[in-house]
PDB file of all heavy atoms in Angstrom:
ATOM      1  N   ALA A   1     -26.888 -60.514  22.483  1.00  0.00           N
ATOM      2  CA  ALA A   1     -26.928 -61.755  23.263  1.00  0.00           C
ATOM      3  C   ALA A   1     -25.740 -62.638  22.882  1.00  0.00           C
ATOM      4  O   ALA A   1     -25.168 -63.292  23.861  1.00  0.00           O
ATOM      5  CB  ALA A   1     -28.228 -62.450  22.980  1.00  0.00           C
ATOM      6  N   MET A   2     -25.343 -62.703  21.630  1.00  0.00           N
ATOM      7  CA  MET A   2     -24.213 -63.528  21.277  1.00  0.00           C
ATOM      8  C   MET A   2     -22.934 -63.061  21.883  1.00  0.00           C
ATOM      9  O   MET A   2     -22.045 -63.786  22.369  1.00  0.00           O
ATOM     10  CB  MET A   2     -24.083 -63.635  19.762  1.00  0.00           C
ATOM     11  CG  MET A   2     -25.195 -64.554  19.152  1.00  0.00           C
ATOM     12  SD  MET A   2     -24.865 -64.918  17.452  1.00  0.00           S
ATOM     13  CE  MET A   2     -25.476 -63.304  16.644  1.00  0.00           C
ATOM     14  N   ILE A   3     -22.790 -61.700  21.847  1.00  0.00           N
ATOM     15  CA  ILE A   3     -21.579 -61.044  22.453  1.00  0.00           C
ATOM     16  C   ILE A   3     -21.604 -61.351  24.037  1.00  0.00           C
ATOM     17  O   ILE A   3     -20.562 -61.728  24.598  1.00  0.00           O
ATOM     18  CB  ILE A   3     -21.482 -59.612  22.187  1.00  0.00           C
ATOM     19  CG1 ILE A   3     -21.431 -59.339  20.641  1.00  0.00           C
ATOM     20  CG2 ILE A   3     -20.328 -58.973  22.910  1.00  0.00           C
ATOM     21  CD1 ILE A   3     -20.119 -59.921  20.030  1.00  0.00           C
ATOM     22  N   ASP A   4     -22.735 -61.140  24.638  1.00  0.00           N
ATOM     23  CA  ASP A   4     -22.789 -61.384  26.082  1.00  0.00           C
ATOM     24  C   ASP A   4     -22.461 -62.791  26.412  1.00  0.00           C
ATOM     25  O   ASP A   4     -21.963 -63.115  27.514  1.00  0.00           O
ATOM     26  CB  ASP A   4     -24.150 -61.042  26.558  1.00  0.00           C
ATOM     27  CG  ASP A   4     -24.516 -59.523  26.563  1.00  0.00           C
ATOM     28  OD1 ASP A   4     -23.507 -58.693  26.517  1.00  0.00           O
ATOM     29  OD2 ASP A   4     -25.660 -59.113  26.573  1.00  0.00           O
ATOM     30  N   ALA A   5     -22.792 -63.716  25.520  1.00  0.00           N
ATOM     31  CA  ALA A   5     -22.502 -65.178  25.767  1.00  0.00           C
ATOM     32  C   ALA A   5     -21.080 -65.584  25.576  1.00  0.00           C
ATOM     33  O   ALA A   5     -20.637 -66.666  26.019  1.00  0.00           O
ATOM     34  CB  ALA A   5     -23.482 -66.015  24.911  1.00  0.00           C
ATOM     35  N   GLY A   6     -20.299 -64.669  24.976  1.00  0.00           N
ATOM     36  CA  GLY A   6     -18.920 -64.956  24.753  1.00  0.00           C
ATOM     37  C   GLY A   6     -18.386 -64.925  23.381  1.00  0.00           C
ATOM     38  O   GLY A   6     -17.248 -65.182  23.118  1.00  0.00           O
ATOM     39  N   ALA A   7     -19.240 -64.573  22.413  1.00  0.00           N
ATOM     40  CA  ALA A   7     -18.725 -64.378  21.019  1.00  0.00           C
ATOM     41  C   ALA A   7     -17.840 -63.197  20.961  1.00  0.00           C
ATOM     42  O   ALA A   7     -18.133 -62.105  21.523  1.00  0.00           O
ATOM     43  CB  ALA A   7     -19.952 -64.246  20.051  1.00  0.00           C
ATOM     44  N   ASP A   8     -16.718 -63.238  20.271  1.00  0.00           N
ATOM     45  CA  ASP A   8     -15.807 -62.122  20.079  1.00  0.00           C
ATOM     46  C   ASP A   8     -16.205 -61.166  18.898  1.00  0.00           C
ATOM     47  O   ASP A   8     -15.762 -60.121  18.823  1.00  0.00           O
ATOM     48  CB  ASP A   8     -14.336 -62.665  19.888  1.00  0.00           C
ATOM     49  CG  ASP A   8     -13.888 -63.399  21.103  1.00  0.00           C
ATOM     50  OD1 ASP A   8     -13.592 -62.704  22.099  1.00  0.00           O
ATOM     51  OD2 ASP A   8     -13.892 -64.650  21.094  1.00  0.00           O
ATOM     52  N   LEU A   9     -16.968 -61.843  17.971  1.00  0.00           N
ATOM     53  CA  LEU A   9     -17.258 -61.168  16.702  1.00  0.00           C
ATOM     54  C   LEU A   9     -18.426 -61.852  16.135  1.00  0.00           C
ATOM     55  O   LEU A   9     -18.585 -63.077  16.137  1.00  0.00           O
ATOM     56  CB  LEU A   9     -16.060 -61.203  15.695  1.00  0.00           C
ATOM     57  CG  LEU A   9     -16.264 -60.585  14.385  1.00  0.00           C
ATOM     58  CD1 LEU A   9     -16.151 -59.027  14.401  1.00  0.00           C
ATOM     59  CD2 LEU A   9     -15.118 -61.071  13.439  1.00  0.00           C
ATOM     60  N   VAL A  10     -19.354 -61.071  15.469  1.00  0.00           N
ATOM     61  CA  VAL A  10     -20.523 -61.545  14.749  1.00  0.00           C
ATOM     62  C   VAL A  10     -20.409 -61.040  13.281  1.00  0.00           C
ATOM     63  O   VAL A  10     -20.213 -59.841  13.097  1.00  0.00           O
ATOM     64  CB  VAL A  10     -21.838 -61.110  15.393  1.00  0.00           C
ATOM     65  CG1 VAL A  10     -23.030 -61.571  14.548  1.00  0.00           C
ATOM     66  CG2 VAL A  10     -21.973 -61.596  16.838  1.00  0.00           C
ATOM     67  N   VAL A  11     -20.561 -61.946  12.364  1.00  0.00           N
ATOM     68  CA  VAL A  11     -20.471 -61.582  10.962  1.00  0.00           C
ATOM     69  C   VAL A  11     -21.617 -62.209  10.165  1.00  0.00           C
ATOM     70  O   VAL A  11     -21.644 -63.429  10.094  1.00  0.00           O
ATOM     71  CB  VAL A  11     -19.144 -61.906  10.231  1.00  0.00           C
ATOM     72  CG1 VAL A  11     -19.131 -61.355   8.848  1.00  0.00           C
ATOM     73  CG2 VAL A  11     -17.930 -61.460  11.040  1.00  0.00           C
ATOM     74  N   GLY A  12     -22.599 -61.435   9.764  1.00  0.00           N
ATOM     75  CA  GLY A  12     -23.803 -61.991   9.169  1.00  0.00           C
ATOM     76  C   GLY A  12     -23.926 -61.970   7.712  1.00  0.00           C
ATOM     77  O   GLY A  12     -23.023 -61.326   6.954  1.00  0.00           O
ATOM     78  N   GLY A  13     -24.955 -62.543   7.159  1.00  0.00           N
ATOM     79  CA  GLY A  13     -25.272 -62.525   5.676  1.00  0.00           C
ATOM     80  C   GLY A  13     -26.776 -62.553   5.492  1.00  0.00           C
ATOM     81  O   GLY A  13     -27.560 -62.693   6.414  1.00  0.00           O
ATOM     82  N   HIS A  14     -27.166 -62.605   4.209  1.00  0.00           N
ATOM     83  CA  HIS A  14     -28.504 -62.701   3.694  1.00  0.00           C
ATOM     84  C   HIS A  14     -29.073 -61.514   3.041  1.00  0.00           C
ATOM     85  O   HIS A  14     -29.685 -61.604   1.933  1.00  0.00           O
ATOM     86  CB  HIS A  14     -29.486 -63.336   4.659  1.00  0.00           C
ATOM     87  CG  HIS A  14     -30.913 -63.263   4.125  1.00  0.00           C
ATOM     88  ND1 HIS A  14     -31.248 -64.057   3.158  1.00  0.00           N
ATOM     89  CD2 HIS A  14     -32.053 -62.479   4.452  1.00  0.00           C
ATOM     90  CE1 HIS A  14     -32.610 -63.807   2.886  1.00  0.00           C
ATOM     91  NE2 HIS A  14     -33.074 -62.878   3.606  1.00  0.00           N
ATOM     92  N   PRO A  15     -28.961 -60.291   3.626  1.00  0.00           N
ATOM     93  CA  PRO A  15     -29.634 -59.062   3.005  1.00  0.00           C
ATOM     94  C   PRO A  15     -29.216 -58.761   1.615  1.00  0.00           C
ATOM     95  O   PRO A  15     -29.937 -57.990   0.948  1.00  0.00           O
ATOM     96  CB  PRO A  15     -29.373 -57.961   3.994  1.00  0.00           C
ATOM     97  CG  PRO A  15     -29.239 -58.708   5.319  1.00  0.00           C
ATOM     98  CD  PRO A  15     -28.454 -59.945   4.968  1.00  0.00           C
ATOM     99  N   HIS A  16     -28.113 -59.263   1.028  1.00  0.00           N
ATOM    100  CA  HIS A  16     -27.715 -58.933  -0.256  1.00  0.00           C
ATOM    101  C   HIS A  16     -27.132 -57.577  -0.446  1.00  0.00           C
ATOM    102  O   HIS A  16     -26.648 -57.222  -1.534  1.00  0.00           O
ATOM    103  CB  HIS A  16     -28.788 -59.313  -1.387  1.00  0.00           C
ATOM    104  CG  HIS A  16     -29.222 -60.718  -1.267  1.00  0.00           C
ATOM    105  ND1 HIS A  16     -28.429 -61.797  -1.522  1.00  0.00           N
ATOM    106  CD2 HIS A  16     -30.478 -61.273  -0.918  1.00  0.00           C
ATOM    107  CE1 HIS A  16     -29.138 -62.925  -1.372  1.00  0.00           C
ATOM    108  NE2 HIS A  16     -30.310 -62.589  -1.064  1.00  0.00           N
ATOM    109  N   TRP A  17     -27.176 -56.691   0.503  1.00  0.00           N
ATOM    110  CA  TRP A  17     -26.615 -55.415   0.578  1.00  0.00           C
ATOM    111  C   TRP A  17     -25.609 -55.424   1.782  1.00  0.00           C
ATOM    112  O   TRP A  17     -25.915 -56.127   2.735  1.00  0.00           O
ATOM    113  CB  TRP A  17     -27.587 -54.295   0.721  1.00  0.00           C
ATOM    114  CG  TRP A  17     -28.451 -54.004  -0.390  1.00  0.00           C
ATOM    115  CD1 TRP A  17     -28.674 -54.725  -1.556  1.00  0.00           C
ATOM    116  CD2 TRP A  17     -29.294 -52.813  -0.505  1.00  0.00           C
ATOM    117  NE1 TRP A  17     -29.597 -54.099  -2.375  1.00  0.00           N
ATOM    118  CE2 TRP A  17     -30.008 -52.847  -1.747  1.00  0.00           C
ATOM    119  CE3 TRP A  17     -29.544 -51.659   0.317  1.00  0.00           C
ATOM    120  CZ2 TRP A  17     -30.864 -51.877  -2.193  1.00  0.00           C
ATOM    121  CZ3 TRP A  17     -30.377 -50.724  -0.137  1.00  0.00           C
ATOM    122  CH2 TRP A  17     -31.042 -50.810  -1.345  1.00  0.00           C
ATOM    123  N   VAL A  18     -24.577 -54.590   1.619  1.00  0.00           N
ATOM    124  CA  VAL A  18     -23.804 -54.261   2.896  1.00  0.00           C
ATOM    125  C   VAL A  18     -24.756 -53.624   3.941  1.00  0.00           C
ATOM    126  O   VAL A  18     -25.528 -52.843   3.552  1.00  0.00           O
ATOM    127  CB  VAL A  18     -22.589 -53.519   2.648  1.00  0.00           C
ATOM    128  CG1 VAL A  18     -21.541 -54.209   1.721  1.00  0.00           C
ATOM    129  CG2 VAL A  18     -22.922 -52.095   2.003  1.00  0.00           C
ATOM    130  N   GLN A  19     -24.587 -54.061   5.134  1.00  0.00           N
ATOM    131  CA  GLN A  19     -25.311 -53.438   6.254  1.00  0.00           C
ATOM    132  C   GLN A  19     -24.362 -52.830   7.239  1.00  0.00           C
ATOM    133  O   GLN A  19     -23.153 -52.983   7.194  1.00  0.00           O
ATOM    134  CB  GLN A  19     -26.276 -54.440   6.883  1.00  0.00           C
ATOM    135  CG  GLN A  19     -27.477 -54.873   6.034  1.00  0.00           C
ATOM    136  CD  GLN A  19     -28.554 -55.518   6.934  1.00  0.00           C
ATOM    137  OE1 GLN A  19     -28.259 -56.138   7.913  1.00  0.00           O
ATOM    138  NE2 GLN A  19     -29.773 -55.410   6.442  1.00  0.00           N
ATOM    139  N   GLY A  20     -24.957 -52.038   8.132  1.00  0.00           N
ATOM    140  CA  GLY A  20     -24.171 -51.329   9.124  1.00  0.00           C
ATOM    141  C   GLY A  20     -23.567 -52.188  10.163  1.00  0.00           C
ATOM    142  O   GLY A  20     -23.884 -53.388  10.358  1.00  0.00           O
ATOM    143  N   ILE A  21     -22.535 -51.576  10.906  1.00  0.00           N
ATOM    144  CA  ILE A  21     -21.858 -52.305  11.979  1.00  0.00           C
ATOM    145  C   ILE A  21     -22.319 -51.754  13.275  1.00  0.00           C
ATOM    146  O   ILE A  21     -22.349 -50.524  13.535  1.00  0.00           O
ATOM    147  CB  ILE A  21     -20.342 -52.056  11.827  1.00  0.00           C
ATOM    148  CG1 ILE A  21     -19.793 -52.449  10.439  1.00  0.00           C
ATOM    149  CG2 ILE A  21     -19.553 -52.742  12.872  1.00  0.00           C
ATOM    150  CD1 ILE A  21     -18.453 -51.967  10.102  1.00  0.00           C
ATOM    151  N   GLN A  22     -22.677 -52.700  14.219  1.00  0.00           N
ATOM    152  CA  GLN A  22     -23.034 -52.334  15.530  1.00  0.00           C
ATOM    153  C   GLN A  22     -21.851 -52.581  16.444  1.00  0.00           C
ATOM    154  O   GLN A  22     -21.081 -53.517  16.158  1.00  0.00           O
ATOM    155  CB  GLN A  22     -24.306 -52.915  15.985  1.00  0.00           C
ATOM    156  CG  GLN A  22     -25.586 -52.220  15.607  1.00  0.00           C
ATOM    157  CD  GLN A  22     -25.804 -52.159  14.129  1.00  0.00           C
ATOM    158  OE1 GLN A  22     -25.944 -53.144  13.467  1.00  0.00           O
ATOM    159  NE2 GLN A  22     -25.851 -50.928  13.653  1.00  0.00           N
ATOM    160  N   MET A  23     -21.858 -51.897  17.575  1.00  0.00           N
ATOM    161  CA  MET A  23     -20.949 -52.205  18.712  1.00  0.00           C
ATOM    162  C   MET A  23     -21.652 -52.582  19.946  1.00  0.00           C
ATOM    163  O   MET A  23     -22.683 -51.980  20.303  1.00  0.00           O
ATOM    164  CB  MET A  23     -20.043 -50.893  19.007  1.00  0.00           C
ATOM    165  CG  MET A  23     -19.221 -50.499  17.870  1.00  0.00           C
ATOM    166  SD  MET A  23     -17.811 -51.492  17.581  1.00  0.00           S
ATOM    167  CE  MET A  23     -16.824 -51.187  19.083  1.00  0.00           C
ATOM    168  N   HIS A  24     -21.142 -53.647  20.614  1.00  0.00           N
ATOM    169  CA  HIS A  24     -21.714 -54.044  21.846  1.00  0.00           C
ATOM    170  C   HIS A  24     -20.534 -54.494  22.719  1.00  0.00           C
ATOM    171  O   HIS A  24     -19.795 -55.327  22.382  1.00  0.00           O
ATOM    172  CB  HIS A  24     -22.671 -55.229  21.708  1.00  0.00           C
ATOM    173  CG  HIS A  24     -23.390 -55.650  22.984  1.00  0.00           C
ATOM    174  ND1 HIS A  24     -24.269 -54.828  23.653  1.00  0.00           N
ATOM    175  CD2 HIS A  24     -23.231 -56.805  23.696  1.00  0.00           C
ATOM    176  CE1 HIS A  24     -24.641 -55.427  24.721  1.00  0.00           C
ATOM    177  NE2 HIS A  24     -24.021 -56.586  24.838  1.00  0.00           N
ATOM    178  N   ARG A  25     -20.389 -53.776  23.790  1.00  0.00           N
ATOM    179  CA  ARG A  25     -19.286 -54.012  24.699  1.00  0.00           C
ATOM    180  C   ARG A  25     -17.959 -54.054  23.995  1.00  0.00           C
ATOM    181  O   ARG A  25     -17.093 -54.967  24.195  1.00  0.00           O
ATOM    182  CB  ARG A  25     -19.500 -55.342  25.502  1.00  0.00           C
ATOM    183  CG  ARG A  25     -20.678 -55.266  26.411  1.00  0.00           C
ATOM    184  CD  ARG A  25     -20.998 -56.730  27.090  1.00  0.00           C
ATOM    185  NE  ARG A  25     -19.869 -57.303  27.567  1.00  0.00           N
ATOM    186  CZ  ARG A  25     -19.775 -58.646  27.925  1.00  0.00           C
ATOM    187  NH1 ARG A  25     -20.770 -59.364  27.729  1.00  0.00           N
ATOM    188  NH2 ARG A  25     -18.668 -59.073  28.420  1.00  0.00           N
ATOM    189  N   ARG A  26     -17.778 -53.073  23.083  1.00  0.00           N
ATOM    190  CA  ARG A  26     -16.544 -52.899  22.346  1.00  0.00           C
ATOM    191  C   ARG A  26     -16.269 -54.087  21.379  1.00  0.00           C
ATOM    192  O   ARG A  26     -15.185 -54.286  20.828  1.00  0.00           O
ATOM    193  CB  ARG A  26     -15.330 -52.734  23.252  1.00  0.00           C
ATOM    194  CG  ARG A  26     -15.456 -51.534  24.178  1.00  0.00           C
ATOM    195  CD  ARG A  26     -15.271 -50.178  23.557  1.00  0.00           C
ATOM    196  NE  ARG A  26     -13.901 -49.990  23.071  1.00  0.00           N
ATOM    197  CZ  ARG A  26     -13.560 -48.944  22.388  1.00  0.00           C
ATOM    198  NH1 ARG A  26     -14.461 -47.972  22.018  1.00  0.00           N
ATOM    199  NH2 ARG A  26     -12.297 -48.820  21.964  1.00  0.00           N
ATOM    200  N   HIS A  27     -17.264 -54.877  21.043  1.00  0.00           N
ATOM    201  CA  HIS A  27     -17.154 -55.950  20.085  1.00  0.00           C
ATOM    202  C   HIS A  27     -17.982 -55.614  18.815  1.00  0.00           C
ATOM    203  O   HIS A  27     -19.019 -54.984  18.972  1.00  0.00           O
ATOM    204  CB  HIS A  27     -17.618 -57.304  20.670  1.00  0.00           C
ATOM    205  CG  HIS A  27     -16.785 -57.851  21.789  1.00  0.00           C
ATOM    206  ND1 HIS A  27     -15.687 -58.662  21.507  1.00  0.00           N
ATOM    207  CD2 HIS A  27     -16.744 -57.708  23.120  1.00  0.00           C
ATOM    208  CE1 HIS A  27     -15.116 -59.056  22.640  1.00  0.00           C
ATOM    209  NE2 HIS A  27     -15.746 -58.453  23.608  1.00  0.00           N
ATOM    210  N   LEU A  28     -17.479 -56.062  17.709  1.00  0.00           N
ATOM    211  CA  LEU A  28     -18.146 -55.756  16.465  1.00  0.00           C
ATOM    212  C   LEU A  28     -19.263 -56.753  16.129  1.00  0.00           C
ATOM    213  O   LEU A  28     -19.119 -57.943  16.259  1.00  0.00           O
ATOM    214  CB  LEU A  28     -17.169 -55.760  15.283  1.00  0.00           C
ATOM    215  CG  LEU A  28     -15.897 -54.899  15.385  1.00  0.00           C
ATOM    216  CD1 LEU A  28     -15.060 -54.988  14.079  1.00  0.00           C
ATOM    217  CD2 LEU A  28     -16.220 -53.443  15.731  1.00  0.00           C
ATOM    218  N   ILE A  29     -20.444 -56.165  15.601  1.00  0.00           N
ATOM    219  CA  ILE A  29     -21.458 -56.919  14.959  1.00  0.00           C
ATOM    220  C   ILE A  29     -21.593 -56.490  13.539  1.00  0.00           C
ATOM    221  O   ILE A  29     -22.164 -55.420  13.268  1.00  0.00           O
ATOM    222  CB  ILE A  29     -22.816 -56.828  15.803  1.00  0.00           C
ATOM    223  CG1 ILE A  29     -22.664 -57.278  17.213  1.00  0.00           C
ATOM    224  CG2 ILE A  29     -23.920 -57.638  15.069  1.00  0.00           C
ATOM    225  CD1 ILE A  29     -23.768 -56.852  18.160  1.00  0.00           C
ATOM    226  N   VAL A  30     -21.013 -57.309  12.589  1.00  0.00           N
ATOM    227  CA  VAL A  30     -21.068 -56.802  11.217  1.00  0.00           C
ATOM    228  C   VAL A  30     -22.303 -57.534  10.646  1.00  0.00           C
ATOM    229  O   VAL A  30     -22.276 -58.730  10.358  1.00  0.00           O
ATOM    230  CB  VAL A  30     -19.771 -57.343  10.501  1.00  0.00           C
ATOM    231  CG1 VAL A  30     -19.738 -56.869   9.065  1.00  0.00           C
ATOM    232  CG2 VAL A  30     -18.605 -56.726  11.285  1.00  0.00           C
ATOM    233  N   ASN A  31     -23.259 -56.755  10.338  1.00  0.00           N
ATOM    234  CA  ASN A  31     -24.595 -57.386  10.070  1.00  0.00           C
ATOM    235  C   ASN A  31     -24.651 -58.064   8.714  1.00  0.00           C
ATOM    236  O   ASN A  31     -25.278 -59.112   8.565  1.00  0.00           O
ATOM    237  CB  ASN A  31     -25.690 -56.318  10.103  1.00  0.00           C
ATOM    238  CG  ASN A  31     -26.071 -56.052  11.603  1.00  0.00           C
ATOM    239  OD1 ASN A  31     -26.665 -56.776  12.228  1.00  0.00           O
ATOM    240  ND2 ASN A  31     -25.621 -54.883  12.046  1.00  0.00           N
ATOM    241  N   CYS A  32     -24.008 -57.493   7.698  1.00  0.00           N
ATOM    242  CA  CYS A  32     -23.945 -58.208   6.374  1.00  0.00           C
ATOM    243  C   CYS A  32     -22.809 -57.640   5.607  1.00  0.00           C
ATOM    244  O   CYS A  32     -22.658 -56.364   5.434  1.00  0.00           O
ATOM    245  CB  CYS A  32     -25.292 -57.989   5.643  1.00  0.00           C
ATOM    246  SG  CYS A  32     -25.349 -58.885   4.066  1.00  0.00           S
ATOM    247  N   LEU A  33     -22.052 -58.469   4.894  1.00  0.00           N
ATOM    248  CA  LEU A  33     -21.005 -58.062   3.983  1.00  0.00           C
ATOM    249  C   LEU A  33     -21.386 -57.947   2.537  1.00  0.00           C
ATOM    250  O   LEU A  33     -20.623 -57.522   1.749  1.00  0.00           O
ATOM    251  CB  LEU A  33     -19.789 -59.129   4.118  1.00  0.00           C
ATOM    252  CG  LEU A  33     -19.213 -59.442   5.455  1.00  0.00           C
ATOM    253  CD1 LEU A  33     -18.231 -60.547   5.420  1.00  0.00           C
ATOM    254  CD2 LEU A  33     -18.433 -58.098   5.933  1.00  0.00           C
ATOM    255  N   GLY A  34     -22.643 -58.257   2.292  1.00  0.00           N
ATOM    256  CA  GLY A  34     -23.184 -58.182   0.904  1.00  0.00           C
ATOM    257  C   GLY A  34     -22.907 -59.488   0.132  1.00  0.00           C
ATOM    258  O   GLY A  34     -22.282 -60.430   0.647  1.00  0.00           O
ATOM    259  N   ASN A  35     -23.389 -59.550  -1.118  1.00  0.00           N
ATOM    260  CA  ASN A  35     -23.103 -60.646  -1.937  1.00  0.00           C
ATOM    261  C   ASN A  35     -21.637 -60.703  -2.280  1.00  0.00           C
ATOM    262  O   ASN A  35     -20.964 -59.685  -2.544  1.00  0.00           O
ATOM    263  CB  ASN A  35     -23.825 -60.567  -3.302  1.00  0.00           C
ATOM    264  CG  ASN A  35     -25.398 -60.670  -3.149  1.00  0.00           C
ATOM    265  OD1 ASN A  35     -25.767 -61.362  -2.231  1.00  0.00           O
ATOM    266  ND2 ASN A  35     -26.165 -60.011  -4.038  1.00  0.00           N
ATOM    267  N   PHE A  36     -21.044 -61.962  -2.305  1.00  0.00           N
ATOM    268  CA  PHE A  36     -19.703 -62.095  -2.730  1.00  0.00           C
ATOM    269  C   PHE A  36     -19.694 -62.591  -4.187  1.00  0.00           C
ATOM    270  O   PHE A  36     -19.074 -61.959  -5.043  1.00  0.00           O
ATOM    271  CB  PHE A  36     -18.916 -63.033  -1.877  1.00  0.00           C
ATOM    272  CG  PHE A  36     -17.459 -63.141  -2.208  1.00  0.00           C
ATOM    273  CD1 PHE A  36     -16.656 -62.014  -2.159  1.00  0.00           C
ATOM    274  CD2 PHE A  36     -16.882 -64.351  -2.601  1.00  0.00           C
ATOM    275  CE1 PHE A  36     -15.270 -62.144  -2.511  1.00  0.00           C
ATOM    276  CE2 PHE A  36     -15.605 -64.465  -2.959  1.00  0.00           C
ATOM    277  CZ  PHE A  36     -14.756 -63.331  -2.927  1.00  0.00           C
ATOM    278  N   ILE A  37     -20.422 -63.607  -4.448  1.00  0.00           N
ATOM    279  CA  ILE A  37     -20.550 -64.132  -5.883  1.00  0.00           C
ATOM    280  C   ILE A  37     -22.072 -64.404  -5.959  1.00  0.00           C
ATOM    281  O   ILE A  37     -22.625 -65.194  -5.273  1.00  0.00           O
ATOM    282  CB  ILE A  37     -19.759 -65.264  -6.116  1.00  0.00           C
ATOM    283  CG1 ILE A  37     -18.291 -65.024  -6.042  1.00  0.00           C
ATOM    284  CG2 ILE A  37     -20.111 -65.877  -7.553  1.00  0.00           C
ATOM    285  CD1 ILE A  37     -17.373 -66.297  -6.175  1.00  0.00           C
ATOM    286  N   PHE A  38     -22.706 -63.667  -6.880  1.00  0.00           N
ATOM    287  CA  PHE A  38     -24.224 -63.855  -7.097  1.00  0.00           C
ATOM    288  C   PHE A  38     -24.520 -63.297  -8.494  1.00  0.00           C
ATOM    289  O   PHE A  38     -23.719 -62.558  -9.085  1.00  0.00           O
ATOM    290  CB  PHE A  38     -24.984 -63.083  -6.075  1.00  0.00           C
ATOM    291  CG  PHE A  38     -25.945 -63.920  -5.242  1.00  0.00           C
ATOM    292  CD1 PHE A  38     -25.685 -64.310  -3.984  1.00  0.00           C
ATOM    293  CD2 PHE A  38     -27.157 -64.356  -5.874  1.00  0.00           C
ATOM    294  CE1 PHE A  38     -26.513 -65.042  -3.265  1.00  0.00           C
ATOM    295  CE2 PHE A  38     -28.017 -65.177  -5.135  1.00  0.00           C
ATOM    296  CZ  PHE A  38     -27.713 -65.530  -3.796  1.00  0.00           C
ATOM    297  N   ASP A  39     -25.691 -63.704  -9.054  1.00  0.00           N
ATOM    298  CA  ASP A  39     -26.174 -63.134 -10.321  1.00  0.00           C
ATOM    299  C   ASP A  39     -27.275 -62.120 -10.166  1.00  0.00           C
ATOM    300  O   ASP A  39     -28.079 -62.011 -11.101  1.00  0.00           O
ATOM    301  CB  ASP A  39     -26.567 -64.341 -11.236  1.00  0.00           C
ATOM    302  CG  ASP A  39     -27.666 -65.147 -10.668  1.00  0.00           C
ATOM    303  OD1 ASP A  39     -28.130 -64.882  -9.524  1.00  0.00           O
ATOM    304  OD2 ASP A  39     -28.109 -66.167 -11.364  1.00  0.00           O
ATOM    305  N   MET A  40     -27.181 -61.437  -9.049  1.00  0.00           N
ATOM    306  CA  MET A  40     -28.248 -60.359  -8.799  1.00  0.00           C
ATOM    307  C   MET A  40     -27.755 -59.124  -9.506  1.00  0.00           C
ATOM    308  O   MET A  40     -27.274 -58.119  -8.791  1.00  0.00           O
ATOM    309  CB  MET A  40     -28.521 -60.118  -7.339  1.00  0.00           C
ATOM    310  CG  MET A  40     -29.226 -61.304  -6.635  1.00  0.00           C
ATOM    311  SD  MET A  40     -29.449 -60.918  -4.889  1.00  0.00           S
ATOM    312  CE  MET A  40     -30.600 -62.246  -4.417  1.00  0.00           C
ATOM    313  N   ASP A  41     -27.841 -58.964 -10.785  1.00  0.00           N
ATOM    314  CA  ASP A  41     -27.244 -57.820 -11.455  1.00  0.00           C
ATOM    315  C   ASP A  41     -28.288 -56.819 -11.836  1.00  0.00           C
ATOM    316  O   ASP A  41     -28.278 -56.179 -12.857  1.00  0.00           O
ATOM    317  CB  ASP A  41     -26.534 -58.360 -12.723  1.00  0.00           C
ATOM    318  CG  ASP A  41     -27.394 -59.184 -13.642  1.00  0.00           C
ATOM    319  OD1 ASP A  41     -28.522 -59.419 -13.242  1.00  0.00           O
ATOM    320  OD2 ASP A  41     -26.906 -59.739 -14.621  1.00  0.00           O
ATOM    321  N   PHE A  42     -29.284 -56.639 -10.863  1.00  0.00           N
ATOM    322  CA  PHE A  42     -30.402 -55.646 -11.193  1.00  0.00           C
ATOM    323  C   PHE A  42     -30.213 -54.366 -10.351  1.00  0.00           C
ATOM    324  O   PHE A  42     -31.076 -53.436 -10.477  1.00  0.00           O
ATOM    325  CB  PHE A  42     -31.759 -56.336 -10.787  1.00  0.00           C
ATOM    326  CG  PHE A  42     -31.833 -56.991  -9.458  1.00  0.00           C
ATOM    327  CD1 PHE A  42     -31.911 -56.217  -8.313  1.00  0.00           C
ATOM    328  CD2 PHE A  42     -31.713 -58.377  -9.389  1.00  0.00           C
ATOM    329  CE1 PHE A  42     -32.017 -56.840  -7.089  1.00  0.00           C
ATOM    330  CE2 PHE A  42     -31.825 -58.969  -8.069  1.00  0.00           C
ATOM    331  CZ  PHE A  42     -31.996 -58.214  -6.938  1.00  0.00           C
ATOM    332  N   SER A  43     -29.177 -54.193  -9.545  1.00  0.00           N
ATOM    333  CA  SER A  43     -28.963 -52.995  -8.850  1.00  0.00           C
ATOM    334  C   SER A  43     -27.440 -52.899  -8.504  1.00  0.00           C
ATOM    335  O   SER A  43     -26.744 -53.888  -8.433  1.00  0.00           O
ATOM    336  CB  SER A  43     -29.821 -52.898  -7.579  1.00  0.00           C
ATOM    337  OG  SER A  43     -29.313 -53.671  -6.528  1.00  0.00           O
ATOM    338  N   GLN A  44     -27.060 -51.638  -8.230  1.00  0.00           N
ATOM    339  CA  GLN A  44     -25.670 -51.406  -7.789  1.00  0.00           C
ATOM    340  C   GLN A  44     -25.377 -52.054  -6.445  1.00  0.00           C
ATOM    341  O   GLN A  44     -24.322 -52.670  -6.310  1.00  0.00           O
ATOM    342  CB  GLN A  44     -25.416 -49.863  -7.686  1.00  0.00           C
ATOM    343  CG  GLN A  44     -23.933 -49.551  -7.479  1.00  0.00           C
ATOM    344  CD  GLN A  44     -23.635 -48.002  -7.440  1.00  0.00           C
ATOM    345  OE1 GLN A  44     -23.992 -47.341  -6.486  1.00  0.00           O
ATOM    346  NE2 GLN A  44     -22.988 -47.595  -8.605  1.00  0.00           N
TER     347      GLN A  44
END
């Protein structure tokens, strides 16, 4: 819906893991880049 409304790119956060990339109308939806700085040192 965001791409249809005119967004050129979607870049999300919160899941704390990298997530997959979706394509919609040849535009990228990057669901999550993962933690950048965090103290969640309980998993790879």
